[in-house]
Amino acid sequence: MFRFAAALAATLLPALAAAGTPGVATRSVHAPHHGRAMQMTVWYPAAPASGTPVTFADNPVYLGHDALQDADPLPGSRPVVLLSHGLGGLAFSVGWLAQGLAREGAVVIAPNHPNSSFFDFDMQAGMNHWTRTQDMQTALDALTLDAQLGPVLDLERVYAAGFSYGGWTALSLGGLRGHAGWFRDYCAAALPVSSHCQDLLRAGVDLTDVDAEMWQASHRDPRIKAVAAIDPGLIHGIPEDFAAGLTVPALLAALGSGDDRLLATDFDASGFAAMDPDAGILRIAPASHFTALPLCKPAGAAILKEEQDDPVCTDPEGTVRAEVHRQLTQAIARHFSLE
């Protein structure tokens, strides 16, 4: 979990609107499975001469994204992408991908997941991974009824994508199932080498105190036609018959190689990739897990170092973060057959 509140807080600054600049809107919806409100950001193709030009989610560490705040949607029927952020992140963390997919013609719905987002974090409750699929379903249901944006949603073309823990959320919506006991056993064995399992231990997470039935259930949503996962989490300890539940076309993106690969999201080391030979696989190197976070400002790395935070602005030598983002966006857009 990242500790830099300023680095993930959203600010809206005046900006010049470029051609093809997407619209952006925020919504608060009631999430009954949490018993409280949930925030979400929606990116979409915008009608010309509408909305307020802004730089969305600009802050001292990360560059923001050009957008048209509360613009009218471009008329027509648009594919929908449900987009899930990583553990301890926010919808803004994957804003570069949301903006890119909106430019390709999609309406992108990105919630801030309760219990596993930056300003709303509880590691034990956050491990109830199925609540994240419920978040996505709730967000989609709510936007379907939205007076402004609901009419442009093509519910025959709904997809799910995510980064890190959000990658698991996307795969889960596609039918992948996890095994609570097998994951617990994996973490016990991998504790000396797995930073994620070490984080769980430090946070006092008890993997025996999870709802095994819900952990192992199918959380497939039949509306989802395909999924894409960038460095997905929770992919260790999956039985082959549980992996077989993923029946929609899947794209798996791996960031980095060798020592730059994050063990917790290494779908090759876990054996998961071999269980789905039909999945498309994109491997990008040089890169690292955090290369999927937004572009950093020149002072970003120094700010993080001063705050003794994770070096999420520091990529392996030779990495061009903007180019990695471009490759990921194009690959996901192709996988979802966007405009």
Protein backbone atom coordinates (compact mmCIF):
# COMPACT_ATOMS: atom_id res chain seq x y z
CA MET A 1 0.00 0.00 0.00
CA PHE A 2 1.41 3.39 -0.96
CA ARG A 3 1.59 6.05 1.71
CA PHE A 4 1.80 9.24 -0.35
CA ALA A 5 -1.65 10.80 -0.07
CA ALA A 6 -0.66 13.77 -2.19
CA ALA A 7 0.56 11.52 -4.96
CA LEU A 8 -2.82 9.90 -5.50
CA ALA A 9 -5.19 12.71 -4.59
CA ALA A 10 -7.16 14.07 -7.55
CA THR A 11 -6.90 17.73 -8.47
CA LEU A 12 -8.56 19.46 -11.38
CA LEU A 13 -6.50 22.16 -13.12
CA PRO A 14 -7.33 24.23 -16.22
CA ALA A 15 -5.96 22.68 -19.39
CA LEU A 16 -6.24 23.00 -23.13
CA ALA A 17 -8.55 20.47 -24.73
CA ALA A 18 -6.87 18.50 -27.48
CA ALA A 19 -8.67 16.85 -30.36
CA GLY A 20 -10.13 13.56 -29.24
CA THR A 21 -9.86 14.45 -25.56
CA PRO A 22 -12.19 12.11 -23.68
CA GLY A 23 -14.82 13.09 -21.18
CA VAL A 24 -14.50 12.26 -17.50
CA ALA A 25 -17.11 12.18 -14.78
CA THR A 26 -17.24 11.02 -11.19
CA ARG A 27 -20.13 9.29 -9.52
CA SER A 28 -20.97 8.09 -6.02
CA VAL A 29 -23.09 4.94 -5.87
CA HIS A 30 -24.43 2.86 -3.00
CA ALA A 31 -22.63 -0.47 -2.67
CA PRO A 32 -25.03 -2.68 -0.68
CA HIS A 33 -22.43 -5.41 -0.10
CA HIS A 34 -20.33 -2.82 1.77
CA GLY A 35 -23.27 -0.98 3.29
CA ARG A 36 -21.90 2.38 2.16
CA ALA A 37 -21.11 4.58 -0.81
CA MET A 38 -18.49 3.81 -3.43
CA GLN A 39 -16.81 6.34 -5.69
CA MET A 40 -16.11 5.71 -9.34
CA THR A 41 -14.59 7.55 -12.28
CA VAL A 42 -15.98 7.19 -15.79
CA TRP A 43 -14.04 7.99 -18.96
CA TYR A 44 -15.83 8.16 -22.32
CA PRO A 45 -15.73 9.61 -25.85
CA ALA A 46 -16.90 13.21 -25.52
CA ALA A 47 -19.09 15.30 -27.77
CA PRO A 48 -17.27 18.32 -29.26
CA ALA A 49 -17.56 21.69 -27.54
CA SER A 50 -18.83 20.27 -24.27
CA GLY A 51 -17.44 19.90 -20.78
CA THR A 52 -14.69 21.78 -18.96
CA PRO A 53 -11.05 21.18 -20.00
CA VAL A 54 -9.09 19.88 -17.01
CA THR A 55 -5.92 18.04 -16.10
CA PHE A 56 -7.39 15.17 -14.11
CA ALA A 57 -5.52 13.60 -11.17
CA ASP A 58 -2.49 15.87 -11.45
CA ASN A 59 -0.36 15.93 -8.28
CA PRO A 60 3.24 16.50 -7.14
CA VAL A 61 4.39 12.98 -8.07
CA TYR A 62 2.28 11.96 -11.07
CA LEU A 63 1.36 13.71 -14.28
CA GLY A 64 -2.37 14.14 -14.77
CA HIS A 65 -4.50 13.37 -17.81
CA ASP A 66 -6.20 15.78 -20.20
CA ALA A 67 -9.97 15.39 -20.04
CA LEU A 68 -13.26 17.22 -20.47
CA GLN A 69 -14.97 17.26 -17.09
CA ASP A 70 -18.67 16.34 -17.28
CA ALA A 71 -18.74 16.55 -21.07
CA ASP A 72 -21.71 15.26 -23.01
CA PRO A 73 -21.04 11.76 -24.34
CA LEU A 74 -20.46 11.36 -28.04
CA PRO A 75 -23.72 9.97 -29.47
CA GLY A 76 -23.75 6.31 -30.40
CA SER A 77 -23.44 2.90 -28.81
CA ARG A 78 -20.14 2.37 -26.98
CA PRO A 79 -18.35 -0.74 -25.68
CA VAL A 80 -17.85 -0.81 -21.92
CA VAL A 81 -14.66 -1.63 -20.02
CA LEU A 82 -14.76 -2.26 -16.26
CA LEU A 83 -11.32 -1.26 -14.97
CA SER A 84 -9.93 -2.32 -11.57
CA HIS A 85 -6.98 -0.75 -9.73
CA GLY A 86 -4.40 -2.53 -7.60
CA LEU A 87 -4.27 -3.13 -3.86
CA GLY A 88 -3.94 0.21 -2.08
CA GLY A 89 -4.38 2.21 -5.28
CA LEU A 90 -7.19 4.28 -6.73
CA ALA A 91 -9.03 4.57 -10.01
CA PHE A 92 -6.60 7.43 -10.77
CA SER A 93 -3.73 4.90 -10.64
CA VAL A 94 -4.92 3.39 -13.91
CA GLY A 95 -6.17 6.68 -15.37
CA TRP A 96 -3.67 6.50 -18.23
CA LEU A 97 -5.28 3.24 -19.37
CA ALA A 98 -8.81 4.56 -18.87
CA GLN A 99 -8.00 7.65 -20.91
CA GLY A 100 -6.38 5.56 -23.65
CA LEU A 101 -9.28 3.11 -23.94
CA ALA A 102 -11.77 5.99 -23.98
CA ARG A 103 -9.84 7.46 -26.89
CA GLU A 104 -10.31 4.09 -28.61
CA GLY A 105 -14.08 4.47 -28.24
CA ALA A 106 -14.92 2.75 -24.94
CA VAL A 107 -16.78 3.90 -21.86
CA VAL A 108 -14.44 2.98 -19.01
CA ILE A 109 -15.84 2.50 -15.50
CA ALA A 110 -13.23 2.56 -12.74
CA PRO A 111 -14.37 2.31 -9.10
CA ASN A 112 -12.34 3.01 -5.98
CA HIS A 113 -12.64 -0.38 -4.29
CA PRO A 114 -13.77 -0.07 -0.65
CA ASN A 115 -11.33 -1.68 1.82
CA SER A 116 -8.57 -1.96 -0.78
CA SER A 117 -8.06 1.58 -2.07
CA PHE A 118 -5.66 4.25 -0.86
CA PHE A 119 -7.97 6.30 1.34
CA ASP A 120 -10.08 3.32 2.35
CA PHE A 121 -7.79 0.46 3.29
CA ASP A 122 -8.25 -2.59 5.50
CA MET A 123 -5.90 -5.40 4.51
CA GLN A 124 -7.92 -8.18 6.14
CA ALA A 125 -11.22 -7.03 4.66
CA GLY A 126 -9.48 -6.19 1.41
CA MET A 127 -8.52 -9.84 0.98
CA ASN A 128 -12.20 -10.63 0.45
CA HIS A 129 -11.48 -10.49 -3.26
CA TRP A 130 -15.03 -11.30 -4.34
CA THR A 131 -16.27 -7.95 -3.04
CA ARG A 132 -14.26 -6.35 -5.83
CA THR A 133 -16.22 -8.22 -8.50
CA GLN A 134 -19.34 -7.04 -6.71
CA ASP A 135 -17.97 -3.48 -6.87
CA MET A 136 -17.62 -3.77 -10.62
CA GLN A 137 -21.08 -5.21 -11.06
CA THR A 138 -22.57 -2.49 -8.86
CA ALA A 139 -20.77 0.21 -10.82
CA LEU A 140 -22.01 -1.18 -14.14
CA ASP A 141 -25.58 -1.52 -12.89
CA ALA A 142 -25.55 2.05 -11.60
CA LEU A 143 -24.15 3.55 -14.79
CA THR A 144 -26.70 1.65 -16.86
CA LEU A 145 -29.36 3.74 -15.08
CA ASP A 146 -27.40 7.01 -15.38
CA ALA A 147 -29.39 9.61 -17.30
CA GLN A 148 -26.32 11.08 -19.03
CA LEU A 149 -24.15 8.06 -19.75
CA GLY A 150 -26.48 5.06 -19.56
CA PRO A 151 -27.95 5.54 -23.05
CA VAL A 152 -24.56 5.11 -24.79
CA LEU A 153 -23.59 1.83 -23.09
CA ASP A 154 -23.54 -1.23 -25.36
CA LEU A 155 -24.28 -4.02 -22.89
CA GLU A 156 -23.51 -6.62 -25.54
CA ARG A 157 -19.88 -5.47 -25.50
CA VAL A 158 -18.77 -5.44 -21.87
CA TYR A 159 -15.17 -6.26 -20.92
CA ALA A 160 -13.05 -6.25 -17.76
CA ALA A 161 -9.44 -5.20 -17.27
CA GLY A 162 -7.23 -4.59 -14.27
CA PHE A 163 -3.75 -4.15 -12.86
CA SER A 164 -2.22 -6.26 -10.07
CA TYR A 165 -4.99 -7.14 -7.60
CA GLY A 166 -7.30 -5.56 -10.15
CA GLY A 167 -6.01 -8.04 -12.70
CA TRP A 168 -7.34 -10.81 -10.47
CA THR A 169 -10.66 -8.94 -10.27
CA ALA A 170 -10.91 -8.91 -14.06
CA LEU A 171 -9.99 -12.61 -14.33
CA SER A 172 -12.49 -13.46 -11.59
CA LEU A 173 -15.25 -11.68 -13.53
CA GLY A 174 -14.25 -13.91 -16.43
CA GLY A 175 -14.72 -17.06 -14.34
CA LEU A 176 -11.30 -17.79 -12.80
CA ARG A 177 -11.60 -19.25 -9.29
CA GLY A 178 -9.13 -19.23 -6.42
CA HIS A 179 -8.52 -21.81 -3.70
CA ALA A 180 -8.26 -20.35 -0.18
CA GLY A 181 -6.31 -23.26 1.30
CA TRP A 182 -3.90 -23.57 -1.59
CA PHE A 183 -3.17 -19.83 -1.55
CA ARG A 184 -2.62 -19.95 2.22
CA ASP A 185 -0.22 -22.88 1.81
CA TYR A 186 1.60 -21.05 -0.98
CA CYS A 187 2.10 -17.96 1.17
CA ALA A 188 3.38 -20.03 4.08
CA ALA A 189 5.98 -21.68 1.84
CA ALA A 190 6.89 -18.54 -0.12
CA LEU A 191 7.13 -16.19 2.86
CA PRO A 192 10.94 -15.83 2.65
CA VAL A 193 10.79 -14.64 -0.97
CA SER A 194 7.32 -13.18 -1.54
CA SER A 195 6.99 -9.48 -0.72
CA HIS A 196 3.21 -9.77 -0.95
CA CYS A 197 3.01 -12.61 1.56
CA GLN A 198 5.37 -10.68 3.84
CA ASP A 199 3.05 -7.65 3.58
CA LEU A 200 0.10 -9.80 4.60
CA LEU A 201 2.00 -11.11 7.61
CA ARG A 202 3.10 -7.62 8.70
CA ALA A 203 -0.48 -6.38 8.40
CA GLY A 204 -1.69 -9.19 10.65
CA VAL A 205 -3.83 -10.81 7.96
CA ASP A 206 -5.07 -14.25 8.97
CA LEU A 207 -5.64 -16.30 5.81
CA THR A 208 -7.42 -18.92 7.88
CA ASP A 209 -10.01 -16.28 8.77
CA VAL A 210 -11.48 -15.88 5.31
CA ASP A 211 -14.73 -17.15 3.90
CA ALA A 212 -13.37 -20.16 2.00
CA GLU A 213 -16.70 -20.79 0.28
CA MET A 214 -16.80 -17.26 -1.16
CA TRP A 215 -13.08 -17.29 -1.95
CA GLN A 216 -13.50 -20.48 -3.99
CA ALA A 217 -16.85 -19.69 -5.61
CA SER A 218 -17.24 -18.60 -9.21
CA HIS A 219 -17.79 -14.87 -9.51
CA ARG A 220 -18.24 -14.97 -13.26
CA ASP A 221 -20.46 -12.27 -14.73
CA PRO A 222 -22.10 -13.47 -17.95
CA ARG A 223 -22.07 -9.94 -19.35
CA ILE A 224 -18.26 -10.01 -19.57
CA LYS A 225 -17.12 -11.01 -23.06
CA ALA A 226 -13.32 -10.88 -22.58
CA VAL A 227 -10.78 -9.94 -19.90
CA ALA A 228 -7.29 -8.44 -19.71
CA ALA A 229 -4.97 -8.59 -16.70
CA ILE A 230 -1.73 -6.65 -16.25
CA ASP A 231 0.53 -8.44 -13.74
CA PRO A 232 -2.46 -10.06 -11.99
CA GLY A 233 -2.33 -10.88 -8.28
CA LEU A 234 -3.55 -14.00 -6.40
CA ILE A 235 -2.49 -16.27 -9.27
CA HIS A 236 -0.59 -18.73 -7.06
CA GLY A 237 -2.21 -21.87 -5.69
CA ILE A 238 -4.91 -22.34 -8.34
CA PRO A 239 -6.09 -25.90 -9.15
CA GLU A 240 -6.40 -26.71 -12.84
CA ASP A 241 -10.14 -27.26 -12.62
CA PHE A 242 -10.52 -23.83 -10.99
CA ALA A 243 -8.51 -22.28 -13.83
CA ALA A 244 -10.82 -23.98 -16.31
CA GLY A 245 -13.62 -21.69 -15.16
CA LEU A 246 -12.02 -18.88 -17.16
CA THR A 247 -13.86 -19.47 -20.41
CA VAL A 248 -13.79 -16.00 -21.99
CA PRO A 249 -10.83 -14.79 -24.10
CA ALA A 250 -8.06 -13.59 -21.79
CA LEU A 251 -5.02 -11.39 -22.30
CA LEU A 252 -2.22 -11.64 -19.72
CA ALA A 253 0.43 -8.91 -19.66
CA ALA A 254 3.75 -9.51 -17.88
CA LEU A 255 5.91 -6.56 -16.85
CA GLY A 256 9.65 -7.15 -16.58
CA SER A 257 11.83 -10.21 -16.70
CA GLY A 258 14.30 -11.95 -14.43
CA ASP A 259 14.82 -10.12 -11.15
CA ASP A 260 12.53 -7.30 -12.33
CA ARG A 261 9.55 -9.66 -12.36
CA LEU A 262 7.33 -9.46 -9.25
CA LEU A 263 6.86 -12.96 -7.84
CA ALA A 264 3.35 -12.27 -6.55
CA THR A 265 2.14 -11.55 -10.08
CA ASP A 266 4.37 -13.93 -12.04
CA PHE A 267 1.80 -16.07 -13.84
CA ASP A 268 4.58 -18.15 -15.39
CA ALA A 269 6.20 -19.10 -12.06
CA SER A 270 2.78 -19.86 -10.59
CA GLY A 271 1.92 -22.23 -13.44
CA PHE A 272 -1.27 -20.32 -14.21
CA ALA A 273 -0.28 -19.33 -17.77
CA ALA A 274 0.26 -22.97 -18.67
CA MET A 275 -3.28 -23.76 -17.47
CA ASP A 276 -4.78 -21.42 -20.08
CA PRO A 277 -2.88 -22.11 -23.30
CA ASP A 278 -5.47 -20.14 -25.28
CA ALA A 279 -4.73 -16.91 -23.42
CA GLY A 280 -2.92 -14.18 -25.27
CA ILE A 281 0.32 -13.24 -23.52
CA LEU A 282 2.11 -9.91 -23.82
CA ARG A 283 5.58 -9.65 -22.29
CA ILE A 284 7.16 -6.23 -21.91
CA ALA A 285 10.77 -5.65 -20.82
CA PRO A 286 12.55 -3.69 -19.61
CA ALA A 287 9.83 -2.81 -17.12
CA SER A 288 8.73 -3.60 -13.59
CA HIS A 289 5.43 -4.03 -11.79
CA PHE A 290 5.20 -0.32 -10.95
CA THR A 291 5.77 0.71 -14.55
CA ALA A 292 1.99 0.32 -14.87
CA LEU A 293 1.48 3.31 -12.57
CA PRO A 294 1.08 6.81 -14.07
CA LEU A 295 3.90 8.82 -15.61
CA CYS A 296 5.98 10.51 -12.94
CA LYS A 297 7.04 14.13 -12.78
CA PRO A 298 10.78 14.93 -12.70
CA ALA A 299 10.67 15.46 -8.93
CA GLY A 300 8.51 12.39 -8.26
CA ALA A 301 11.29 9.97 -7.36
CA ALA A 302 12.91 12.47 -4.98
CA ILE A 303 9.60 13.17 -3.24
CA LEU A 304 9.03 9.46 -2.69
CA LYS A 305 12.57 8.98 -1.39
CA GLU A 306 12.17 11.87 1.06
CA GLU A 307 8.91 10.37 2.33
CA GLN A 308 10.59 6.93 2.59
CA ASP A 309 7.94 5.55 0.26
CA ASP A 310 8.08 2.80 -2.34
CA PRO A 311 10.24 3.79 -5.35
CA VAL A 312 7.34 3.50 -7.77
CA CYS A 313 8.80 6.15 -10.09
CA THR A 314 12.03 4.21 -10.59
CA ASP A 315 11.93 1.83 -13.55
CA PRO A 316 14.64 -0.59 -14.70
CA GLU A 317 17.32 0.95 -16.89
CA GLY A 318 16.11 1.44 -20.45
CA THR A 319 12.41 1.48 -19.57
CA VAL A 320 10.29 4.12 -21.31
CA ARG A 321 7.14 4.18 -19.18
CA ALA A 322 5.07 6.07 -21.76
CA GLU A 323 5.93 3.46 -24.38
CA VAL A 324 4.98 0.62 -22.03
CA HIS A 325 1.63 2.33 -21.44
CA ARG A 326 1.14 2.69 -25.19
CA GLN A 327 1.84 -0.99 -25.82
CA LEU A 328 -0.52 -2.08 -23.05
CA THR A 329 -3.31 0.23 -24.20
CA GLN A 330 -3.05 -0.87 -27.82
CA ALA A 331 -2.91 -4.56 -26.92
CA ILE A 332 -5.96 -4.33 -24.65
CA ALA A 333 -7.88 -2.26 -27.21
CA ARG A 334 -7.18 -4.89 -29.86
CA HIS A 335 -8.11 -7.71 -27.51
CA PHE A 336 -11.47 -6.04 -26.81
CA SER A 337 -11.99 -5.13 -30.49
CA LEU A 338 -12.54 -1.47 -29.65
CA GLU A 339 -12.99 1.17 -32.33
